[in-house]
C-alpha atoms as a PDB file:
ATOM      1  CA  MET A   1      20.522   3.077 -14.333  1.00  0.00           C
ATOM      2  CA  GLY A   2      16.502   2.977 -14.957  1.00  0.00           C
ATOM      3  CA  LEU A   3      14.665   0.050 -17.119  1.00  0.00           C
ATOM      4  CA  VAL A   4      14.397   2.475 -19.773  1.00  0.00           C
ATOM      5  CA  LYS A   5      17.930   3.064 -20.173  1.00  0.00           C
ATOM      6  CA  ALA A   6      19.428   0.379 -20.064  1.00  0.00           C
ATOM      7  CA  TYR A   7      16.939  -1.196 -22.435  1.00  0.00           C
ATOM      8  CA  ILE A   8      18.318   1.801 -25.113  1.00  0.00           C
ATOM      9  CA  ASN A   9      21.595   0.827 -24.410  1.00  0.00           C
ATOM     10  CA  HIS A  10      20.704  -2.929 -24.918  1.00  0.00           C
ATOM     11  CA  LEU A  11      19.488  -1.796 -28.713  1.00  0.00           C
ATOM     12  CA  VAL A  12      21.993   0.394 -29.275  1.00  0.00           C
ATOM     13  CA  MET A  13      24.230  -2.055 -29.105  1.00  0.00           C
ATOM     14  CA  ILE A  14      22.786  -4.148 -30.862  1.00  0.00           C
ATOM     15  CA  ALA A  15      22.850  -1.521 -34.293  1.00  0.00           C
ATOM     16  CA  ILE A  16      26.440  -0.481 -34.046  1.00  0.00           C
ATOM     17  CA  THR A  17      27.313  -3.924 -33.783  1.00  0.00           C
ATOM     18  CA  LEU A  18      25.013  -4.834 -36.903  1.00  0.00           C
ATOM     19  CA  VAL A  19      26.004  -1.599 -38.327  1.00  0.00           C
ATOM     20  CA  SER A  20      30.046  -2.331 -38.608  1.00  0.00           C
ATOM     21  CA  PHE A  21      29.137  -6.200 -39.299  1.00  0.00           C
ATOM     22  CA  ASN A  22      27.833  -5.049 -42.850  1.00  0.00           C
ATOM     23  CA  LEU A  23      29.948  -1.767 -43.006  1.00  0.00           C
ATOM     24  CA  SER A  24      33.231  -4.467 -43.510  1.00  0.00           C
ATOM     25  CA  PHE A  25      31.655  -6.878 -45.757  1.00  0.00           C
ATOM     26  CA  TYR A  26      29.968  -4.085 -48.135  1.00  0.00           C
ATOM     27  CA  ASP A  27      33.769  -2.356 -48.371  1.00  0.00           C
ATOM     28  CA  GLU A  28      35.201  -5.896 -49.625  1.00  0.00           C
ATOM     29  CA  TRP A  29      32.213  -5.863 -51.955  1.00  0.00           C
ATOM     30  CA  ALA A  30      32.695  -2.917 -53.130  1.00  0.00           C
ATOM     31  CA  ASP A  31      36.719  -2.734 -53.431  1.00  0.00           C
ATOM     32  CA  LYS A  32      35.708  -6.074 -55.968  1.00  0.00           C
ATOM     33  CA  GLN A  33      33.566  -4.234 -57.691  1.00  0.00           C
ATOM     34  CA  SER A  34      35.519  -2.068 -58.527  1.00  0.00           C
ATOM     35  CA  ALA A  35      37.427  -3.131 -61.629  1.00  0.00           C
ATOM     36  CA  HIS A  36      34.549  -2.756 -63.645  1.00  0.00           C
ATOM     37  CA  ASN A  37      32.532   0.030 -61.453  1.00  0.00           C
ATOM     38  CA  PRO A  38      28.861  -0.599 -62.586  1.00  0.00           C
ATOM     39  CA  PHE A  39      28.182   1.797 -60.424  1.00  0.00           C
ATOM     40  CA  ASP A  40      29.707   5.004 -61.588  1.00  0.00           C
ATOM     41  CA  LYS A  41      27.261   7.353 -59.595  1.00  0.00           C
ATOM     42  CA  LEU A  42      28.077   6.003 -56.758  1.00  0.00           C
ATOM     43  CA  LYS A  43      31.735   8.022 -55.227  1.00  0.00           C
ATOM     44  CA  HIS A  44      33.849   6.986 -52.363  1.00  0.00           C
ATOM     45  CA  VAL A  45      34.024  10.007 -49.901  1.00  0.00           C
ATOM     46  CA  SER A  46      37.504   8.522 -48.442  1.00  0.00           C
ATOM     47  CA  ASP A  47      39.242   5.687 -48.742  1.00  0.00           C
ATOM     48  CA  LYS A  48      39.551   4.971 -45.187  1.00  0.00           C
ATOM     49  CA  ALA A  49      36.040   6.025 -44.001  1.00  0.00           C
ATOM     50  CA  HIS A  50      33.177   3.144 -45.155  1.00  0.00           C
ATOM     51  CA  VAL A  51      30.954   5.693 -45.911  1.00  0.00           C
ATOM     52  CA  TYR A  52      29.390   6.590 -49.439  1.00  0.00           C
ATOM     53  CA  LYS A  53      26.779   9.579 -51.032  1.00  0.00           C
ATOM     54  CA  ALA A  54      24.617   9.759 -53.953  1.00  0.00           C
ATOM     55  CA  GLU A  55      22.429  12.225 -54.599  1.00  0.00           C
ATOM     56  CA  VAL A  56      18.397  11.135 -54.512  1.00  0.00           C
ATOM     57  CA  ASP A  57      18.144  12.435 -58.412  1.00  0.00           C
ATOM     58  CA  GLU A  58      20.465  10.080 -59.744  1.00  0.00           C
ATOM     59  CA  PHE A  59      18.902   6.570 -58.549  1.00  0.00           C
ATOM     60  CA  ASP A  60      14.963   6.097 -59.621  1.00  0.00           C
ATOM     61  CA  LEU A  61      14.640   3.597 -56.476  1.00  0.00           C
ATOM     62  CA  LEU A  62      15.988   6.095 -54.118  1.00  0.00           C
ATOM     63  CA  PRO A  63      12.979   7.962 -53.189  1.00  0.00           C
ATOM     64  CA  SER A  64      10.906   4.638 -52.706  1.00  0.00           C
ATOM     65  CA  VAL A  65      13.167   3.361 -50.297  1.00  0.00           C
ATOM     66  CA  ILE A  66      14.071   6.220 -48.188  1.00  0.00           C
ATOM     67  CA  GLY A  67      11.417   8.611 -49.381  1.00  0.00           C
ATOM     68  CA  TYR A  68      12.502  12.562 -49.900  1.00  0.00           C
ATOM     69  CA  PRO A  69      12.318  14.858 -46.831  1.00  0.00           C
ATOM     70  CA  THR A  70       8.954  16.113 -47.770  1.00  0.00           C
ATOM     71  CA  GLN A  71       7.759  12.701 -47.401  1.00  0.00           C
ATOM     72  CA  TYR A  72       8.800  12.129 -44.060  1.00  0.00           C
ATOM     73  CA  ALA A  73       6.276  12.752 -40.853  1.00  0.00           C
ATOM     74  CA  ASP A  74       5.937  12.806 -37.345  1.00  0.00           C
ATOM     75  CA  ILE A  75       5.262   8.978 -35.721  1.00  0.00           C
ATOM     76  CA  ASP A  76       2.732   9.690 -33.158  1.00  0.00           C
ATOM     77  CA  LEU A  77       4.253   7.833 -30.620  1.00  0.00           C
ATOM     78  CA  THR A  78       3.043   7.944 -26.567  1.00  0.00           C
ATOM     79  CA  PRO A  79       5.631   8.696 -24.396  1.00  0.00           C
ATOM     80  CA  HIS A  80       5.935   5.402 -22.886  1.00  0.00           C
ATOM     81  CA  TRP A  81       5.915   2.906 -26.193  1.00  0.00           C
ATOM     82  CA  LEU A  82       9.619   1.955 -25.517  1.00  0.00           C
ATOM     83  CA  THR A  83       8.640   0.557 -21.571  1.00  0.00           C
ATOM     84  CA  GLU A  84       5.751  -0.700 -22.840  1.00  0.00           C
ATOM     85  CA  THR A  85       8.106  -2.822 -25.178  1.00  0.00           C
ATOM     86  CA  MET A  86      10.308  -3.170 -22.995  1.00  0.00           C
ATOM     87  CA  ILE A  87       7.805  -4.640 -19.849  1.00  0.00           C
ATOM     88  CA  MET A  88       6.334  -7.119 -23.256  1.00  0.00           C
ATOM     89  CA  ASP A  89       9.594  -8.351 -23.595  1.00  0.00           C
ATOM     90  CA  GLU A  90      10.857  -9.289 -20.409  1.00  0.00           C
ATOM     91  CA  ALA A  91       7.079 -10.726 -19.510  1.00  0.00           C
ATOM     92  CA  TYR A  92       7.803 -13.341 -22.679  1.00  0.00           C
ATOM     93  CA  LYS A  93      11.271 -14.524 -21.560  1.00  0.00           C
ATOM     94  CA  GLN A  94       9.893 -14.663 -17.569  1.00  0.00           C
ATOM     95  CA  CYS A  95       7.253 -16.265 -18.220  1.00  0.00           C
ATOM     96  CA  LEU A  96       9.534 -19.444 -20.370  1.00  0.00           C
ATOM     97  CA  GLN A  97      12.360 -18.791 -17.256  1.00  0.00           C
ATOM     98  CA  LYS A  98       9.420 -19.707 -14.685  1.00  0.00           C
ATOM     99  CA  PHE A  99       7.671 -22.185 -17.048  1.00  0.00           C
ATOM    100  CA  GLY A 100      10.780 -24.181 -17.970  1.00  0.00           C
ATOM    101  CA  GLU A 101      11.612 -26.457 -21.015  1.00  0.00           C
ATOM    102  CA  SER A 102       8.355 -29.420 -20.399  1.00  0.00           C
ATOM    103  CA  ILE A 103       5.767 -26.350 -20.165  1.00  0.00           C
ATOM    104  CA  SER A 104       7.167 -24.177 -22.466  1.00  0.00           C
ATOM    105  CA  GLN A 105       7.714 -26.528 -25.250  1.00  0.00           C
ATOM    106  CA  LYS A 106       3.277 -27.246 -24.984  1.00  0.00           C
ATOM    107  CA  ILE A 107       1.974 -23.680 -24.012  1.00  0.00           C
ATOM    108  CA  GLU A 108       4.315 -20.759 -25.874  1.00  0.00           C
ATOM    109  CA  PRO A 109       2.983 -20.687 -29.554  1.00  0.00           C
ATOM    110  CA  ALA A 110      -0.747 -19.493 -27.314  1.00  0.00           C
ATOM    111  CA  PHE A 111       0.963 -18.139 -24.476  1.00  0.00           C
ATOM    112  CA  LYS A 112       2.292 -15.692 -27.329  1.00  0.00           C
ATOM    113  CA  GLU A 113      -0.971 -15.189 -29.642  1.00  0.00           C
ATOM    114  CA  GLU A 114      -3.357 -15.365 -26.521  1.00  0.00           C
ATOM    115  CA  ILE A 115      -2.188 -13.620 -23.254  1.00  0.00           C
ATOM    116  CA  LEU A 116       0.716 -11.832 -24.700  1.00  0.00           C
ATOM    117  CA  PRO A 117      -1.798  -9.364 -26.539  1.00  0.00           C
ATOM    118  CA  GLU A 118      -3.986  -9.103 -23.388  1.00  0.00           C
ATOM    119  CA  LEU A 119      -1.233  -8.181 -21.382  1.00  0.00           C
ATOM    120  CA  LYS A 120      -0.088  -5.404 -23.882  1.00  0.00           C
ATOM    121  CA  GLN A 121      -3.847  -3.310 -23.312  1.00  0.00           C
ATOM    122  CA  ALA A 122      -3.495  -4.135 -19.488  1.00  0.00           C
ATOM    123  CA  VAL A 123      -0.057  -2.154 -20.107  1.00  0.00           C
ATOM    124  CA  SER A 124      -0.876   0.278 -22.246  1.00  0.00           C
ATOM    125  CA  GLN A 125      -4.280   1.500 -19.957  1.00  0.00           C
ATOM    126  CA  LEU A 126      -1.968   1.143 -17.199  1.00  0.00           C
ATOM    127  CA  PHE A 127      -0.121   4.073 -18.692  1.00  0.00           C
ATOM    128  CA  GLY A 128      -2.605   5.728 -20.199  1.00  0.00           C
ATOM    129  CA  THR A 129      -4.652   6.714 -17.211  1.00  0.00           C
ATOM    130  CA  SER A 130      -1.448   6.807 -15.027  1.00  0.00           C
ATOM    131  CA  SER A 131       0.592  10.688 -14.940  1.00  0.00           C
ATOM    132  CA  PHE A 132       1.864  10.443 -11.372  1.00  0.00           C
ATOM    133  CA  TYR A 133       4.792   8.715 -11.835  1.00  0.00           C
ATOM    134  CA  ASP A 134       8.257   9.045 -13.831  1.00  0.00           C
ATOM    135  CA  LEU A 135       8.670   6.508 -16.515  1.00  0.00           C
ATOM    136  CA  ASP A 136      12.917   6.277 -15.828  1.00  0.00           C
ATOM    137  CA  ASP A 137      11.380   5.109 -12.135  1.00  0.00           C
ATOM    138  CA  ILE A 138       9.638   1.905 -13.665  1.00  0.00           C
ATOM    139  CA  GLY A 139      11.415  -1.432 -12.992  1.00  0.00           C
ATOM    140  CA  VAL A 140      10.462  -4.918 -13.210  1.00  0.00           C
ATOM    141  CA  THR A 141      10.896  -7.787 -10.523  1.00  0.00           C
ATOM    142  CA  HIS A 142      13.257 -10.695 -12.155  1.00  0.00           C
ATOM    143  CA  THR A 143      11.797 -13.152  -9.040  1.00  0.00           C
ATOM    144  CA  PRO A 144       9.174 -15.703 -11.010  1.00  0.00           C
ATOM    145  CA  SER A 145       7.765 -18.394  -8.457  1.00  0.00           C
ATOM    146  CA  ALA A 146       9.150 -21.793  -8.244  1.00  0.00           C
ATOM    147  CA  GLY A 147       6.752 -24.670  -7.398  1.00  0.00           C
ATOM    148  CA  ARG A 148       3.011 -23.836  -7.775  1.00  0.00           C
ATOM    149  CA  GLY A 149       3.469 -20.103  -7.453  1.00  0.00           C
ATOM    150  CA  GLU A 150       1.326 -17.909  -8.723  1.00  0.00           C
ATOM    151  CA  LYS A 151       4.018 -14.418  -9.365  1.00  0.00           C
ATOM    152  CA  ILE A 152       5.581 -14.163 -13.077  1.00  0.00           C
ATOM    153  CA  MET A 153       6.444 -10.290 -13.621  1.00  0.00           C
ATOM    154  CA  HIS A 154       5.838  -7.476 -11.438  1.00  0.00           C
ATOM    155  CA  VAL A 155       5.998  -3.839 -13.087  1.00  0.00           C
ATOM    156  CA  TYR A 156       7.131  -1.050 -10.294  1.00  0.00           C
ATOM    157  CA  ASN A 157       7.418   2.439  -9.042  1.00  0.00           C
ATOM    158  CA  ARG A 158      11.179   2.387  -8.260  1.00  0.00           C
ATOM    159  CA  SER A 159      10.964   5.944  -6.666  1.00  0.00           C
ATOM    160  CA  THR A 160       8.297   4.144  -4.199  1.00  0.00           C
ATOM    161  CA  GLY A 161       8.930   0.620  -4.530  1.00  0.00           C
ATOM    162  CA  ASP A 162       4.661   0.528  -5.473  1.00  0.00           C
ATOM    163  CA  ASP A 163       3.637  -2.157  -7.211  1.00  0.00           C
ATOM    164  CA  LEU A 164       1.578  -1.332 -10.302  1.00  0.00           C
ATOM    165  CA  LEU A 165       0.508  -4.252 -12.103  1.00  0.00           C
ATOM    166  CA  ARG A 166       1.450  -7.951 -10.546  1.00  0.00           C
ATOM    167  CA  PHE A 167       1.227  -9.943 -13.509  1.00  0.00           C
ATOM    168  CA  HIS A 168       0.491 -13.603 -12.121  1.00  0.00           C
ATOM    169  CA  VAL A 169      -0.475 -17.532 -13.578  1.00  0.00           C
ATOM    170  CA  ARG A 170      -2.584 -20.083 -11.534  1.00  0.00           C
ATOM    171  CA  ILE A 171      -3.703 -23.588 -12.292  1.00  0.00           C
ATOM    172  CA  ASP A 172      -7.611 -24.130 -12.675  1.00  0.00           C
ATOM    173  CA  ARG A 173      -8.876 -27.599 -12.342  1.00  0.00           C
ATOM    174  CA  PRO A 174     -12.459 -27.481 -13.908  1.00  0.00           C
ATOM    175  CA  PRO A 175     -14.520 -30.823 -12.625  1.00  0.00           C
ATOM    176  CA  LYS A 176     -14.144 -33.160 -15.681  1.00  0.00           C
ATOM    177  CA  LYS A 177     -12.023 -30.818 -17.427  1.00  0.00           C
ATOM    178  CA  GLY A 178      -8.113 -31.425 -16.792  1.00  0.00           C
ATOM    179  CA  HIS A 179      -5.775 -28.394 -15.940  1.00  0.00           C
ATOM    180  CA  VAL A 180      -6.017 -25.187 -17.300  1.00  0.00           C
ATOM    181  CA  PHE A 181      -3.426 -22.537 -17.011  1.00  0.00           C
ATOM    182  CA  GLN A 182      -5.364 -19.240 -16.102  1.00  0.00           C
ATOM    183  CA  PHE A 183      -3.539 -15.906 -16.475  1.00  0.00           C
ATOM    184  CA  HIS A 184      -4.152 -13.198 -14.807  1.00  0.00           C
ATOM    185  CA  TYR A 185      -3.369  -9.522 -13.107  1.00  0.00           C
ATOM    186  CA  HIS A 186      -3.442  -7.362 -10.375  1.00  0.00           C
ATOM    187  CA  VAL A 187      -3.448  -3.617  -9.638  1.00  0.00           C
ATOM    188  CA  PRO A 188      -3.612  -1.621  -6.949  1.00  0.00           C
ATOM    189  CA  LYS A 189      -7.133   0.248  -7.212  1.00  0.00           C
ATOM    190  CA  ASP A 190      -8.340  -2.427  -5.655  1.00  0.00           C
ATOM    191  CA  ASN A 191      -5.958  -3.564  -3.480  1.00  0.00           C
ATOM    192  CA  TYR A 192      -4.955  -6.811  -5.184  1.00  0.00           C
ATOM    193  CA  ASP A 193      -7.759  -8.430  -4.814  1.00  0.00           C
ATOM    194  CA  GLU A 194      -9.563  -8.991  -7.868  1.00  0.00           C
ATOM    195  CA  HIS A 195      -8.023 -11.058 -10.305  1.00  0.00           C
ATOM    196  CA  HIS A 196      -7.758  -9.245 -13.956  1.00  0.00           C
ATOM    197  CA  GLU A 197      -8.733 -12.361 -16.253  1.00  0.00           C
ATOM    198  CA  LEU A 198      -6.510 -12.618 -19.448  1.00  0.00           C
ATOM    199  CA  GLY A 199      -7.338 -15.601 -20.682  1.00  0.00           C
ATOM    200  CA  SER A 200      -6.435 -19.437 -20.090  1.00  0.00           C
ATOM    201  CA  ILE A 201      -4.751 -22.124 -22.049  1.00  0.00           C
ATOM    202  CA  TYR A 202      -5.144 -25.843 -21.622  1.00  0.00           C
ATOM    203  CA  TRP A 203      -2.744 -28.526 -20.054  1.00  0.00           C
ATOM    204  CA  GLY A 204      -4.844 -31.515 -20.063  1.00  0.00           C
ATOM    205  CA  LYS A 205      -5.607 -34.128 -17.462  1.00  0.00           C
ATOM    206  CA  ASN A 206      -1.949 -35.057 -16.634  1.00  0.00           C
ATOM    207  CA  GLU A 207      -0.738 -32.593 -14.096  1.00  0.00           C
ATOM    208  CA  PRO A 208       1.392 -30.211 -15.310  1.00  0.00           C
ATOM    209  CA  PRO A 209       5.272 -30.078 -14.009  1.00  0.00           C
ATOM    210  CA  LEU A 210       5.890 -27.819 -11.131  1.00  0.00           C
ATOM    211  CA  TYR A 211       7.831 -24.350 -12.307  1.00  0.00           C
ATOM    212  CA  SER A 212      11.354 -24.408 -12.579  1.00  0.00           C
ATOM    213  CA  ALA A 213      12.158 -20.813 -12.195  1.00  0.00           C
END
């Protein structure tokens, strides 16, 4: 199953669960209110189905909540927006997995505020300039390196096996400044040789624990 399809299936299952849960509670609430019936304009379509209907003109606040049909407009979403969202979600989870609890507790806020936005720009640029592959063929690795390995996650083409972006972190030790996590990525256009910097997070003078991935 492709990366995007798997992510969509996950979102759909969550949505179905939430809708079913909320409707059951709403039905109980509607039954309790039926004795004094304060909503004369709300009508049951069926005693068995948890479905209700209302006329837009009968509820003053309804248009402000969902809008009139004439107010609907197409949302300009790039074809790869869901793929980018999934990649960012995976990058966040796999970083926490790699760092383990002891490191994550200290650097997670800075990672979310400083590193992830920069990574998102790099991912957006990747898809904005590359159109030679099917987005459904995009995959991510799930094997961040432990110990002192740099690898966090690679974005790759499932059809060819080629890496499209390698998301890494290394520990720098500037003289008299302690230890710093330096986040960067590699791309194939320079044969993965260049370190494209995303940002750095200061750890402290003592050496950080080994990665626990």
